[in-house]
Amino acid sequence: MGDANISNKQQDPADWMSQLPERLWDEPLYNLALPGSHDTMTYCLDLNSPLLVSNPLVLKVLDRLIPCIVRPCLYKWGTTQVQKICTQLDVGIRYFDLRIAHKKHDVTSALYFAHGVYTLLTVKDTLRDVAKWLNSHPKEVVILACSMFEGLNTDLHQDIILFLKNLFGSKIFPRSEEPATLRMFWKLGYQVIISYDDSAASGHEELWPQIPYWWADQIDPREVLSYLEKQKQSGRPEGFFVAGLNLTEDTQYVLTHPCQSIKTVTLHNYQMFLDWVEKQFPGPGRTCLNIICGDFVGNSDFVFTVIDLNNKLAEGLTL
């Protein structure tokens, strides 16, 4: 099993890590190629929810005046995934971009994911689904990158941190331990790395700091790839990091392209992204990549293309 051909699309991507060649089991996970989903939870945005406090004032004003136009626009430009999180796990995604928020006037402690508006699903219900999935796939490892935290006070931070620690328990790989290899994960029963991008994580050794994310902030895919190439030339970070293959629109682009959406623009340019991914290498080298994050991850060969990069590393280790 350890020397299985991981490029074979007939294999179950839900367990692709256990199918990696044995010579990769002692490589740190930050030297492997891992597929990730950008804005993971946007498949369940709630168009009836309040706008986030951090939204621009002009958007809030327009939302009061013409919600029948603003809300559909928010949905079609804010939805970057269409698959449920367990489906994303099943297709092989192992890094999840989770943006957490609390509704301003909500008297409960319920937390939601957010992107312009809040999600229908709560954070705790979603994480419970992830925990159940991991129980069924004991050799798979996921990275949960928690960020944003709009509207969270100290008590809400501590509540969700305690929930994370209790839910995943001994499956959490603490930041103090090295090396983060598959062999160590399997031996000790680890399955989860949790990145928590807030000072509230201080003192919790189970939580990792923010994982660097290379974000081009461009709608032109050529500009995105040019940015990533420049980042590569500057050298990769020492540990985990993300190369974001995601397009980002601005107000001018949205207004001048009323018939488009982030989905149509992304899928139109997906092959360009995949061609670029195929040329990349995982590993410790200066220009090597680690986590590669995409939008609409179930609508293309994105996951298989990223996973296949590990064959290059495996071949290099045998030379």
C-alpha atoms as a PDB file:
ATOM      1  CA  MET A   1       0.000   0.000   0.000  1.00  0.00           C
ATOM      2  CA  GLY A   2       2.818   2.423   0.862  1.00  0.00           C
ATOM      3  CA  ASP A   3       4.223   2.362  -2.667  1.00  0.00           C
ATOM      4  CA  ALA A   4       0.860   2.795  -4.386  1.00  0.00           C
ATOM      5  CA  ASN A   5       0.702   5.005  -7.443  1.00  0.00           C
ATOM      6  CA  ILE A   6      -0.921   8.107  -6.041  1.00  0.00           C
ATOM      7  CA  SER A   7      -1.595   9.477  -9.524  1.00  0.00           C
ATOM      8  CA  ASN A   8      -4.138   6.699 -10.147  1.00  0.00           C
ATOM      9  CA  LYS A   9      -7.507   8.462 -10.144  1.00  0.00           C
ATOM     10  CA  GLN A  10      -9.286   5.162  -9.532  1.00  0.00           C
ATOM     11  CA  GLN A  11      -8.037   5.180  -5.945  1.00  0.00           C
ATOM     12  CA  ASP A  12     -10.174   6.713  -3.216  1.00  0.00           C
ATOM     13  CA  PRO A  13      -8.978  10.304  -2.665  1.00  0.00           C
ATOM     14  CA  ALA A  14     -10.542  10.230   0.800  1.00  0.00           C
ATOM     15  CA  ASP A  15      -7.528   8.187   1.956  1.00  0.00           C
ATOM     16  CA  TRP A  16      -4.785   9.496  -0.298  1.00  0.00           C
ATOM     17  CA  MET A  17      -2.321  10.188   2.519  1.00  0.00           C
ATOM     18  CA  SER A  18      -2.249   6.529   3.530  1.00  0.00           C
ATOM     19  CA  GLN A  19      -1.509   5.684  -0.113  1.00  0.00           C
ATOM     20  CA  LEU A  20       1.609   7.857  -0.369  1.00  0.00           C
ATOM     21  CA  PRO A  21       4.895   6.052  -1.112  1.00  0.00           C
ATOM     22  CA  GLU A  22       6.571   4.887   2.118  1.00  0.00           C
ATOM     23  CA  ARG A  23       9.628   7.032   1.417  1.00  0.00           C
ATOM     24  CA  LEU A  24       7.440  10.105   2.058  1.00  0.00           C
ATOM     25  CA  TRP A  25       6.266   8.973   5.497  1.00  0.00           C
ATOM     26  CA  ASP A  26       9.273  10.588   7.186  1.00  0.00           C
ATOM     27  CA  GLU A  27       9.068  13.874   5.292  1.00  0.00           C
ATOM     28  CA  PRO A  28       7.646  16.810   7.287  1.00  0.00           C
ATOM     29  CA  LEU A  29       4.120  17.639   6.132  1.00  0.00           C
ATOM     30  CA  TYR A  30       5.300  21.148   5.250  1.00  0.00           C
ATOM     31  CA  ASN A  31       7.469  19.567   2.542  1.00  0.00           C
ATOM     32  CA  LEU A  32       4.539  17.717   0.960  1.00  0.00           C
ATOM     33  CA  ALA A  33       2.032  19.076  -1.548  1.00  0.00           C
ATOM     34  CA  LEU A  34      -1.336  19.437   0.177  1.00  0.00           C
ATOM     35  CA  PRO A  35      -4.565  20.569  -1.557  1.00  0.00           C
ATOM     36  CA  GLY A  36      -6.589  23.210   0.272  1.00  0.00           C
ATOM     37  CA  SER A  37      -9.851  25.091  -0.118  1.00  0.00           C
ATOM     38  CA  HIS A  38     -10.000  28.879   0.027  1.00  0.00           C
ATOM     39  CA  ASP A  39     -12.952  30.284   2.012  1.00  0.00           C
ATOM     40  CA  THR A  40     -14.039  26.735   2.726  1.00  0.00           C
ATOM     41  CA  MET A  41     -17.514  27.412   4.108  1.00  0.00           C
ATOM     42  CA  THR A  42     -18.931  29.799   1.527  1.00  0.00           C
ATOM     43  CA  TYR A  43     -21.096  27.028   0.087  1.00  0.00           C
ATOM     44  CA  CYS A  44     -23.675  27.800   2.799  1.00  0.00           C
ATOM     45  CA  LEU A  45     -23.897  31.599   2.932  1.00  0.00           C
ATOM     46  CA  ASP A  46     -27.114  32.918   4.488  1.00  0.00           C
ATOM     47  CA  LEU A  47     -28.462  35.764   2.330  1.00  0.00           C
ATOM     48  CA  ASN A  48     -30.909  36.682   5.096  1.00  0.00           C
ATOM     49  CA  SER A  49     -28.178  37.227   7.679  1.00  0.00           C
ATOM     50  CA  PRO A  50     -26.848  40.656   8.656  1.00  0.00           C
ATOM     51  CA  LEU A  51     -23.865  42.048   6.795  1.00  0.00           C
ATOM     52  CA  LEU A  52     -20.530  41.804   8.554  1.00  0.00           C
ATOM     53  CA  VAL A  53     -19.553  44.898  10.506  1.00  0.00           C
ATOM     54  CA  SER A  54     -16.289  45.040   8.556  1.00  0.00           C
ATOM     55  CA  ASN A  55     -18.052  45.502   5.210  1.00  0.00           C
ATOM     56  CA  PRO A  56     -17.525  48.900   3.536  1.00  0.00           C
ATOM     57  CA  LEU A  57     -20.008  51.613   4.518  1.00  0.00           C
ATOM     58  CA  VAL A  58     -21.155  52.082   0.928  1.00  0.00           C
ATOM     59  CA  LEU A  59     -22.149  48.406   0.776  1.00  0.00           C
ATOM     60  CA  LYS A  60     -24.161  48.698   3.978  1.00  0.00           C
ATOM     61  CA  VAL A  61     -25.995  51.761   2.639  1.00  0.00           C
ATOM     62  CA  LEU A  62     -26.752  50.077  -0.682  1.00  0.00           C
ATOM     63  CA  ASP A  63     -27.937  46.987   1.161  1.00  0.00           C
ATOM     64  CA  ARG A  64     -30.531  49.082   2.972  1.00  0.00           C
ATOM     65  CA  LEU A  65     -31.674  50.782  -0.244  1.00  0.00           C
ATOM     66  CA  ILE A  66     -31.591  47.950  -2.801  1.00  0.00           C
ATOM     67  CA  PRO A  67     -31.155  44.612  -1.008  1.00  0.00           C
ATOM     68  CA  CYS A  68     -32.778  42.831  -3.956  1.00  0.00           C
ATOM     69  CA  ILE A  69     -29.669  43.711  -5.989  1.00  0.00           C
ATOM     70  CA  VAL A  70     -26.980  43.719  -3.302  1.00  0.00           C
ATOM     71  CA  ARG A  71     -27.777  40.320  -1.760  1.00  0.00           C
ATOM     72  CA  PRO A  72     -27.645  38.275  -4.991  1.00  0.00           C
ATOM     73  CA  CYS A  73     -24.454  40.128  -5.906  1.00  0.00           C
ATOM     74  CA  LEU A  74     -22.888  39.242  -2.547  1.00  0.00           C
ATOM     75  CA  TYR A  75     -23.845  35.626  -3.065  1.00  0.00           C
ATOM     76  CA  LYS A  76     -22.455  35.197  -6.581  1.00  0.00           C
ATOM     77  CA  TRP A  77     -19.183  36.968  -5.783  1.00  0.00           C
ATOM     78  CA  GLY A  78     -18.829  35.585  -2.256  1.00  0.00           C
ATOM     79  CA  THR A  79     -19.470  31.897  -2.959  1.00  0.00           C
ATOM     80  CA  THR A  80     -16.109  30.259  -3.674  1.00  0.00           C
ATOM     81  CA  GLN A  81     -17.018  26.642  -2.849  1.00  0.00           C
ATOM     82  CA  VAL A  82     -20.071  24.515  -3.644  1.00  0.00           C
ATOM     83  CA  GLN A  83     -19.267  21.285  -1.793  1.00  0.00           C
ATOM     84  CA  LYS A  84     -19.981  20.510   1.844  1.00  0.00           C
ATOM     85  CA  ILE A  85     -16.934  20.238   4.057  1.00  0.00           C
ATOM     86  CA  CYS A  86     -17.172  16.441   4.366  1.00  0.00           C
ATOM     87  CA  THR A  87     -17.398  16.190   0.585  1.00  0.00           C
ATOM     88  CA  GLN A  88     -14.274  18.335   0.341  1.00  0.00           C
ATOM     89  CA  LEU A  89     -12.597  15.909   2.737  1.00  0.00           C
ATOM     90  CA  ASP A  90     -13.764  12.990   0.612  1.00  0.00           C
ATOM     91  CA  VAL A  91     -12.263  14.463  -2.571  1.00  0.00           C
ATOM     92  CA  GLY A  92      -8.904  14.956  -0.833  1.00  0.00           C
ATOM     93  CA  ILE A  93      -8.799  18.512   0.546  1.00  0.00           C
ATOM     94  CA  ARG A  94      -6.587  18.652   3.638  1.00  0.00           C
ATOM     95  CA  TYR A  95      -6.291  22.408   4.408  1.00  0.00           C
ATOM     96  CA  PHE A  96      -9.386  24.409   5.333  1.00  0.00           C
ATOM     97  CA  ASP A  97      -9.633  28.203   5.386  1.00  0.00           C
ATOM     98  CA  LEU A  98     -12.145  28.844   8.193  1.00  0.00           C
ATOM     99  CA  ARG A  99     -13.167  32.471   8.818  1.00  0.00           C
ATOM    100  CA  ILE A 100     -15.051  32.721  12.082  1.00  0.00           C
ATOM    101  CA  ALA A 101     -17.367  35.490  13.304  1.00  0.00           C
ATOM    102  CA  HIS A 102     -20.047  36.336  15.846  1.00  0.00           C
ATOM    103  CA  LYS A 103     -23.153  38.274  14.855  1.00  0.00           C
ATOM    104  CA  LYS A 104     -23.133  41.739  16.377  1.00  0.00           C
ATOM    105  CA  HIS A 105     -26.486  41.652  18.157  1.00  0.00           C
ATOM    106  CA  ASP A 106     -26.651  37.912  18.820  1.00  0.00           C
ATOM    107  CA  VAL A 107     -27.126  37.338  22.560  1.00  0.00           C
ATOM    108  CA  THR A 108     -26.092  33.679  22.196  1.00  0.00           C
ATOM    109  CA  SER A 109     -22.535  32.354  21.943  1.00  0.00           C
ATOM    110  CA  ALA A 110     -23.187  30.822  18.511  1.00  0.00           C
ATOM    111  CA  LEU A 111     -20.360  31.343  16.032  1.00  0.00           C
ATOM    112  CA  TYR A 112     -20.646  31.228  12.263  1.00  0.00           C
ATOM    113  CA  PHE A 113     -18.307  31.321   9.307  1.00  0.00           C
ATOM    114  CA  ALA A 114     -18.415  34.494   7.266  1.00  0.00           C
ATOM    115  CA  HIS A 115     -17.641  36.093   3.928  1.00  0.00           C
ATOM    116  CA  GLY A 116     -19.560  39.324   3.479  1.00  0.00           C
ATOM    117  CA  VAL A 117     -22.494  37.670   5.250  1.00  0.00           C
ATOM    118  CA  TYR A 118     -22.682  34.824   7.738  1.00  0.00           C
ATOM    119  CA  THR A 119     -23.187  31.149   6.993  1.00  0.00           C
ATOM    120  CA  LEU A 120     -26.223  29.004   7.711  1.00  0.00           C
ATOM    121  CA  LEU A 121     -24.083  26.418   9.504  1.00  0.00           C
ATOM    122  CA  THR A 122     -22.481  27.107  12.865  1.00  0.00           C
ATOM    123  CA  VAL A 123     -18.802  26.578  13.607  1.00  0.00           C
ATOM    124  CA  LYS A 124     -19.391  23.903  16.238  1.00  0.00           C
ATOM    125  CA  ASP A 125     -21.754  21.797  14.109  1.00  0.00           C
ATOM    126  CA  THR A 126     -19.310  21.926  11.199  1.00  0.00           C
ATOM    127  CA  LEU A 127     -16.330  20.926  13.333  1.00  0.00           C
ATOM    128  CA  ARG A 128     -18.290  18.024  14.773  1.00  0.00           C
ATOM    129  CA  ASP A 129     -18.763  16.764  11.216  1.00  0.00           C
ATOM    130  CA  VAL A 130     -15.003  17.007  10.635  1.00  0.00           C
ATOM    131  CA  ALA A 131     -14.323  15.047  13.827  1.00  0.00           C
ATOM    132  CA  LYS A 132     -16.714  12.283  12.752  1.00  0.00           C
ATOM    133  CA  TRP A 133     -15.041  12.101   9.347  1.00  0.00           C
ATOM    134  CA  LEU A 134     -11.591  11.769  10.912  1.00  0.00           C
ATOM    135  CA  ASN A 135     -12.787   8.851  13.043  1.00  0.00           C
ATOM    136  CA  SER A 136     -13.566   7.012   9.798  1.00  0.00           C
ATOM    137  CA  HIS A 137     -10.220   7.913   8.181  1.00  0.00           C
ATOM    138  CA  PRO A 138      -7.584   7.369  10.903  1.00  0.00           C
ATOM    139  CA  LYS A 139      -4.548   7.903   8.633  1.00  0.00           C
ATOM    140  CA  GLU A 140      -5.646  11.232   7.177  1.00  0.00           C
ATOM    141  CA  VAL A 141      -4.387  14.564   8.522  1.00  0.00           C
ATOM    142  CA  VAL A 142      -6.158  17.921   8.218  1.00  0.00           C
ATOM    143  CA  ILE A 143      -5.101  21.501   8.856  1.00  0.00           C
ATOM    144  CA  LEU A 144      -7.809  23.814  10.218  1.00  0.00           C
ATOM    145  CA  ALA A 145      -6.772  27.439   9.675  1.00  0.00           C
ATOM    146  CA  CYS A 146      -9.031  29.559  11.891  1.00  0.00           C
ATOM    147  CA  SER A 147      -8.956  33.306  11.285  1.00  0.00           C
ATOM    148  CA  MET A 148     -10.823  36.635  11.116  1.00  0.00           C
ATOM    149  CA  PHE A 149     -12.780  36.259  14.417  1.00  0.00           C
ATOM    150  CA  GLU A 150     -14.941  39.327  13.839  1.00  0.00           C
ATOM    151  CA  GLY A 151     -17.094  40.117  16.875  1.00  0.00           C
ATOM    152  CA  LEU A 152     -15.425  37.657  19.261  1.00  0.00           C
ATOM    153  CA  ASN A 153     -14.640  38.856  22.766  1.00  0.00           C
ATOM    154  CA  THR A 154     -12.356  37.104  25.242  1.00  0.00           C
ATOM    155  CA  ASP A 155     -15.084  34.793  26.507  1.00  0.00           C
ATOM    156  CA  LEU A 156     -16.090  33.692  22.998  1.00  0.00           C
ATOM    157  CA  HIS A 157     -12.458  33.028  22.089  1.00  0.00           C
ATOM    158  CA  GLN A 158     -11.957  30.890  25.150  1.00  0.00           C
ATOM    159  CA  ASP A 159     -15.227  29.054  24.522  1.00  0.00           C
ATOM    160  CA  ILE A 160     -14.309  28.029  20.970  1.00  0.00           C
ATOM    161  CA  ILE A 161     -10.711  27.196  21.932  1.00  0.00           C
ATOM    162  CA  LEU A 162     -11.947  24.917  24.718  1.00  0.00           C
ATOM    163  CA  PHE A 163     -14.420  23.358  22.289  1.00  0.00           C
ATOM    164  CA  LEU A 164     -11.640  22.652  19.767  1.00  0.00           C
ATOM    165  CA  LYS A 165      -9.422  21.082  22.410  1.00  0.00           C
ATOM    166  CA  ASN A 166     -12.210  18.912  23.799  1.00  0.00           C
ATOM    167  CA  LEU A 167     -13.586  17.887  20.400  1.00  0.00           C
ATOM    168  CA  PHE A 168     -10.320  16.781  18.820  1.00  0.00           C
ATOM    169  CA  GLY A 169      -8.483  15.915  22.049  1.00  0.00           C
ATOM    170  CA  SER A 170      -5.527  13.602  21.498  1.00  0.00           C
ATOM    171  CA  LYS A 171      -5.880  13.967  17.718  1.00  0.00           C
ATOM    172  CA  ILE A 172      -4.389  17.488  17.912  1.00  0.00           C
ATOM    173  CA  PHE A 173      -0.735  17.795  16.931  1.00  0.00           C
ATOM    174  CA  PRO A 174       0.731  20.471  19.275  1.00  0.00           C
ATOM    175  CA  ARG A 175       3.005  23.134  17.837  1.00  0.00           C
ATOM    176  CA  SER A 176       5.787  22.184  20.273  1.00  0.00           C
ATOM    177  CA  GLU A 177       6.357  18.780  18.658  1.00  0.00           C
ATOM    178  CA  GLU A 178       8.602  18.066  15.677  1.00  0.00           C
ATOM    179  CA  PRO A 179       8.905  16.658  13.145  1.00  0.00           C
ATOM    180  CA  ALA A 180       5.366  16.731  11.769  1.00  0.00           C
ATOM    181  CA  THR A 181       5.668  13.566   9.689  1.00  0.00           C
ATOM    182  CA  LEU A 182       3.027  11.060   8.677  1.00  0.00           C
ATOM    183  CA  ARG A 183       4.871   8.299  10.497  1.00  0.00           C
ATOM    184  CA  MET A 184       4.729  10.298  13.738  1.00  0.00           C
ATOM    185  CA  PHE A 185       1.069  11.184  13.208  1.00  0.00           C
ATOM    186  CA  TRP A 186       0.124   7.550  12.673  1.00  0.00           C
ATOM    187  CA  LYS A 187       2.232   6.275  15.565  1.00  0.00           C
ATOM    188  CA  LEU A 188       0.813   8.739  18.102  1.00  0.00           C
ATOM    189  CA  GLY A 189      -2.719   9.043  16.723  1.00  0.00           C
ATOM    190  CA  TYR A 190      -2.482  12.673  15.641  1.00  0.00           C
ATOM    191  CA  GLN A 191      -4.788  13.876  12.857  1.00  0.00           C
ATOM    192  CA  VAL A 192      -5.338  17.611  13.282  1.00  0.00           C
ATOM    193  CA  ILE A 193      -3.230  20.754  13.111  1.00  0.00           C
ATOM    194  CA  ILE A 194      -5.130  23.838  14.266  1.00  0.00           C
ATOM    195  CA  SER A 195      -3.872  27.277  13.284  1.00  0.00           C
ATOM    196  CA  TYR A 196      -5.501  30.051  15.339  1.00  0.00           C
ATOM    197  CA  ASP A 197      -4.725  33.542  14.095  1.00  0.00           C
ATOM    198  CA  ASP A 198      -5.351  35.518  17.274  1.00  0.00           C
ATOM    199  CA  SER A 199      -3.476  36.360  20.451  1.00  0.00           C
ATOM    200  CA  ALA A 200      -6.171  34.460  22.377  1.00  0.00           C
ATOM    201  CA  ALA A 201      -4.260  31.303  21.385  1.00  0.00           C
ATOM    202  CA  SER A 202      -1.326  32.340  23.555  1.00  0.00           C
ATOM    203  CA  GLY A 203      -0.655  29.725  26.214  1.00  0.00           C
ATOM    204  CA  HIS A 204      -2.435  26.947  24.320  1.00  0.00           C
ATOM    205  CA  GLU A 205       0.305  24.676  22.977  1.00  0.00           C
ATOM    206  CA  GLU A 206      -2.290  22.751  20.976  1.00  0.00           C
ATOM    207  CA  LEU A 207      -2.804  25.770  18.701  1.00  0.00           C
ATOM    208  CA  TRP A 208      -0.413  26.834  15.973  1.00  0.00           C
ATOM    209  CA  PRO A 209       0.127  30.475  14.923  1.00  0.00           C
ATOM    210  CA  GLN A 210      -1.076  31.904  11.633  1.00  0.00           C
ATOM    211  CA  ILE A 211       0.052  29.968   8.568  1.00  0.00           C
ATOM    212  CA  PRO A 212       1.425  32.360   5.912  1.00  0.00           C
ATOM    213  CA  TYR A 213      -0.894  32.708   2.895  1.00  0.00           C
ATOM    214  CA  TRP A 214       0.399  34.020  -0.428  1.00  0.00           C
ATOM    215  CA  TRP A 215      -2.576  36.068  -1.675  1.00  0.00           C
ATOM    216  CA  ALA A 216      -2.251  38.054  -4.889  1.00  0.00           C
ATOM    217  CA  ASP A 217      -5.467  40.100  -4.466  1.00  0.00           C
ATOM    218  CA  GLN A 218      -5.977  40.143  -8.262  1.00  0.00           C
ATOM    219  CA  ILE A 219      -8.802  39.175 -10.624  1.00  0.00           C
ATOM    220  CA  ASP A 220      -6.466  38.549 -13.571  1.00  0.00           C
ATOM    221  CA  PRO A 221      -5.149  34.962 -13.348  1.00  0.00           C
ATOM    222  CA  ARG A 222      -1.900  35.980 -15.063  1.00  0.00           C
ATOM    223  CA  GLU A 223      -1.301  38.519 -12.309  1.00  0.00           C
ATOM    224  CA  VAL A 224      -1.998  35.846  -9.687  1.00  0.00           C
ATOM    225  CA  LEU A 225       0.570  33.490 -11.208  1.00  0.00           C
ATOM    226  CA  SER A 226       3.087  36.297 -11.655  1.00  0.00           C
ATOM    227  CA  TYR A 227       2.703  37.185  -7.972  1.00  0.00           C
ATOM    228  CA  LEU A 228       3.206  33.566  -6.897  1.00  0.00           C
ATOM    229  CA  GLU A 229       6.336  33.269  -9.022  1.00  0.00           C
ATOM    230  CA  LYS A 230       7.754  36.402  -7.385  1.00  0.00           C
ATOM    231  CA  GLN A 231       6.975  34.968  -3.955  1.00  0.00           C
ATOM    232  CA  LYS A 232       8.764  31.760  -4.870  1.00  0.00           C
ATOM    233  CA  GLN A 233      11.886  33.665  -5.877  1.00  0.00           C
ATOM    234  CA  SER A 234      11.911  35.328  -2.454  1.00  0.00           C
ATOM    235  CA  GLY A 235      12.048  31.875  -0.873  1.00  0.00           C
ATOM    236  CA  ARG A 236       9.513  29.688   0.880  1.00  0.00           C
ATOM    237  CA  PRO A 237       8.852  29.984   4.640  1.00  0.00           C
ATOM    238  CA  GLU A 238      10.439  27.337   6.853  1.00  0.00           C
ATOM    239  CA  GLY A 239       7.210  25.657   7.940  1.00  0.00           C
ATOM    240  CA  PHE A 240       3.679  25.398   6.588  1.00  0.00           C
ATOM    241  CA  PHE A 241       2.560  27.988   4.052  1.00  0.00           C
ATOM    242  CA  VAL A 242      -0.132  28.436   1.427  1.00  0.00           C
ATOM    243  CA  ALA A 243       0.022  29.446  -2.227  1.00  0.00           C
ATOM    244  CA  GLY A 244      -3.404  30.851  -3.063  1.00  0.00           C
ATOM    245  CA  LEU A 245      -4.771  30.150  -6.550  1.00  0.00           C
ATOM    246  CA  ASN A 246      -7.784  32.355  -5.923  1.00  0.00           C
ATOM    247  CA  LEU A 247      -9.067  35.334  -7.883  1.00  0.00           C
ATOM    248  CA  THR A 248     -10.171  38.470  -6.044  1.00  0.00           C
ATOM    249  CA  GLU A 249     -12.569  40.971  -7.589  1.00  0.00           C
ATOM    250  CA  ASP A 250     -12.876  44.652  -6.734  1.00  0.00           C
ATOM    251  CA  THR A 251     -15.948  46.908  -6.882  1.00  0.00           C
ATOM    252  CA  GLN A 252     -15.084  48.239 -10.331  1.00  0.00           C
ATOM    253  CA  TYR A 253     -14.824  44.740 -11.787  1.00  0.00           C
ATOM    254  CA  VAL A 254     -18.143  43.667 -10.267  1.00  0.00           C
ATOM    255  CA  LEU A 255     -19.943  46.751 -11.614  1.00  0.00           C
ATOM    256  CA  THR A 256     -18.508  46.370 -15.118  1.00  0.00           C
ATOM    257  CA  HIS A 257     -19.162  42.608 -15.364  1.00  0.00           C
ATOM    258  CA  PRO A 258     -22.804  42.193 -14.256  1.00  0.00           C
ATOM    259  CA  CYS A 259     -23.246  38.830 -16.005  1.00  0.00           C
ATOM    260  CA  GLN A 260     -20.224  37.209 -14.388  1.00  0.00           C
ATOM    261  CA  SER A 261     -19.581  35.652 -10.982  1.00  0.00           C
ATOM    262  CA  ILE A 262     -16.492  34.478  -9.150  1.00  0.00           C
ATOM    263  CA  LYS A 263     -17.448  30.961 -10.236  1.00  0.00           C
ATOM    264  CA  THR A 264     -17.639  31.722 -13.964  1.00  0.00           C
ATOM    265  CA  VAL A 265     -14.386  33.685 -13.901  1.00  0.00           C
ATOM    266  CA  THR A 266     -12.567  31.022 -11.878  1.00  0.00           C
ATOM    267  CA  LEU A 267     -13.715  28.033 -13.917  1.00  0.00           C
ATOM    268  CA  HIS A 268     -12.937  29.851 -17.170  1.00  0.00           C
ATOM    269  CA  ASN A 269      -9.312  30.188 -16.037  1.00  0.00           C
ATOM    270  CA  TYR A 270      -8.900  26.919 -14.125  1.00  0.00           C
ATOM    271  CA  GLN A 271      -6.852  25.183 -16.790  1.00  0.00           C
ATOM    272  CA  MET A 272      -4.276  27.975 -16.656  1.00  0.00           C
ATOM    273  CA  PHE A 273      -3.949  27.375 -12.919  1.00  0.00           C
ATOM    274  CA  LEU A 274      -3.683  23.611 -13.344  1.00  0.00           C
ATOM    275  CA  ASP A 275      -0.992  23.975 -16.009  1.00  0.00           C
ATOM    276  CA  TRP A 276       0.998  26.080 -13.553  1.00  0.00           C
ATOM    277  CA  VAL A 277       0.492  23.606 -10.686  1.00  0.00           C
ATOM    278  CA  GLU A 278       1.787  20.713 -12.804  1.00  0.00           C
ATOM    279  CA  LYS A 279       5.139  22.506 -13.128  1.00  0.00           C
ATOM    280  CA  GLN A 280       5.620  22.979  -9.372  1.00  0.00           C
ATOM    281  CA  PHE A 281       7.638  20.913  -6.892  1.00  0.00           C
ATOM    282  CA  PRO A 282       7.058  20.142  -3.202  1.00  0.00           C
ATOM    283  CA  GLY A 283       9.959  19.801  -0.810  1.00  0.00           C
ATOM    284  CA  PRO A 284      12.349  21.910   1.284  1.00  0.00           C
ATOM    285  CA  GLY A 285      13.893  23.800  -1.640  1.00  0.00           C
ATOM    286  CA  ARG A 286      13.761  27.574  -1.894  1.00  0.00           C
ATOM    287  CA  THR A 287      11.145  27.611  -4.660  1.00  0.00           C
ATOM    288  CA  CYS A 288       9.167  24.569  -3.512  1.00  0.00           C
ATOM    289  CA  LEU A 289       5.490  24.743  -2.565  1.00  0.00           C
ATOM    290  CA  ASN A 290       3.513  23.201   0.279  1.00  0.00           C
ATOM    291  CA  ILE A 291      -0.251  23.884   0.571  1.00  0.00           C
ATOM    292  CA  ILE A 292      -1.927  24.943  -2.673  1.00  0.00           C
ATOM    293  CA  CYS A 293      -5.344  26.484  -2.113  1.00  0.00           C
ATOM    294  CA  GLY A 294      -8.084  26.808  -4.719  1.00  0.00           C
ATOM    295  CA  ASP A 295     -11.700  27.830  -5.217  1.00  0.00           C
ATOM    296  CA  PHE A 296     -14.397  25.412  -6.436  1.00  0.00           C
ATOM    297  CA  VAL A 297     -12.082  22.548  -5.610  1.00  0.00           C
ATOM    298  CA  GLY A 298     -14.517  19.866  -6.703  1.00  0.00           C
ATOM    299  CA  ASN A 299     -15.077  21.232 -10.196  1.00  0.00           C
ATOM    300  CA  SER A 300     -11.803  20.217 -11.814  1.00  0.00           C
ATOM    301  CA  ASP A 301      -8.744  17.991 -11.513  1.00  0.00           C
ATOM    302  CA  PHE A 302      -7.342  20.401  -8.937  1.00  0.00           C
ATOM    303  CA  VAL A 303      -6.963  17.923  -6.070  1.00  0.00           C
ATOM    304  CA  PHE A 304      -5.384  15.152  -8.137  1.00  0.00           C
ATOM    305  CA  THR A 305      -2.998  17.625  -9.775  1.00  0.00           C
ATOM    306  CA  VAL A 306      -1.747  18.833  -6.386  1.00  0.00           C
ATOM    307  CA  ILE A 307      -1.477  15.342  -4.876  1.00  0.00           C
ATOM    308  CA  ASP A 308       0.447  14.090  -7.923  1.00  0.00           C
ATOM    309  CA  LEU A 309       3.222  16.597  -7.179  1.00  0.00           C
ATOM    310  CA  ASN A 310       4.278  14.340  -4.299  1.00  0.00           C
ATOM    311  CA  ASN A 311       5.461  11.792  -6.847  1.00  0.00           C
ATOM    312  CA  LYS A 312       8.176  14.248  -7.855  1.00  0.00           C
ATOM    313  CA  LEU A 313       9.385  14.470  -4.254  1.00  0.00           C
ATOM    314  CA  ALA A 314       9.274  10.680  -3.846  1.00  0.00           C
ATOM    315  CA  GLU A 315      11.302  10.201  -7.030  1.00  0.00           C
ATOM    316  CA  GLY A 316      13.851  12.769  -5.879  1.00  0.00           C
ATOM    317  CA  LEU A 317      14.374  10.982  -2.573  1.00  0.00           C
ATOM    318  CA  THR A 318      15.335   7.790  -4.371  1.00  0.00           C
ATOM    319  CA  LEU A 319      18.044   9.431  -6.491  1.00  0.00           C
END
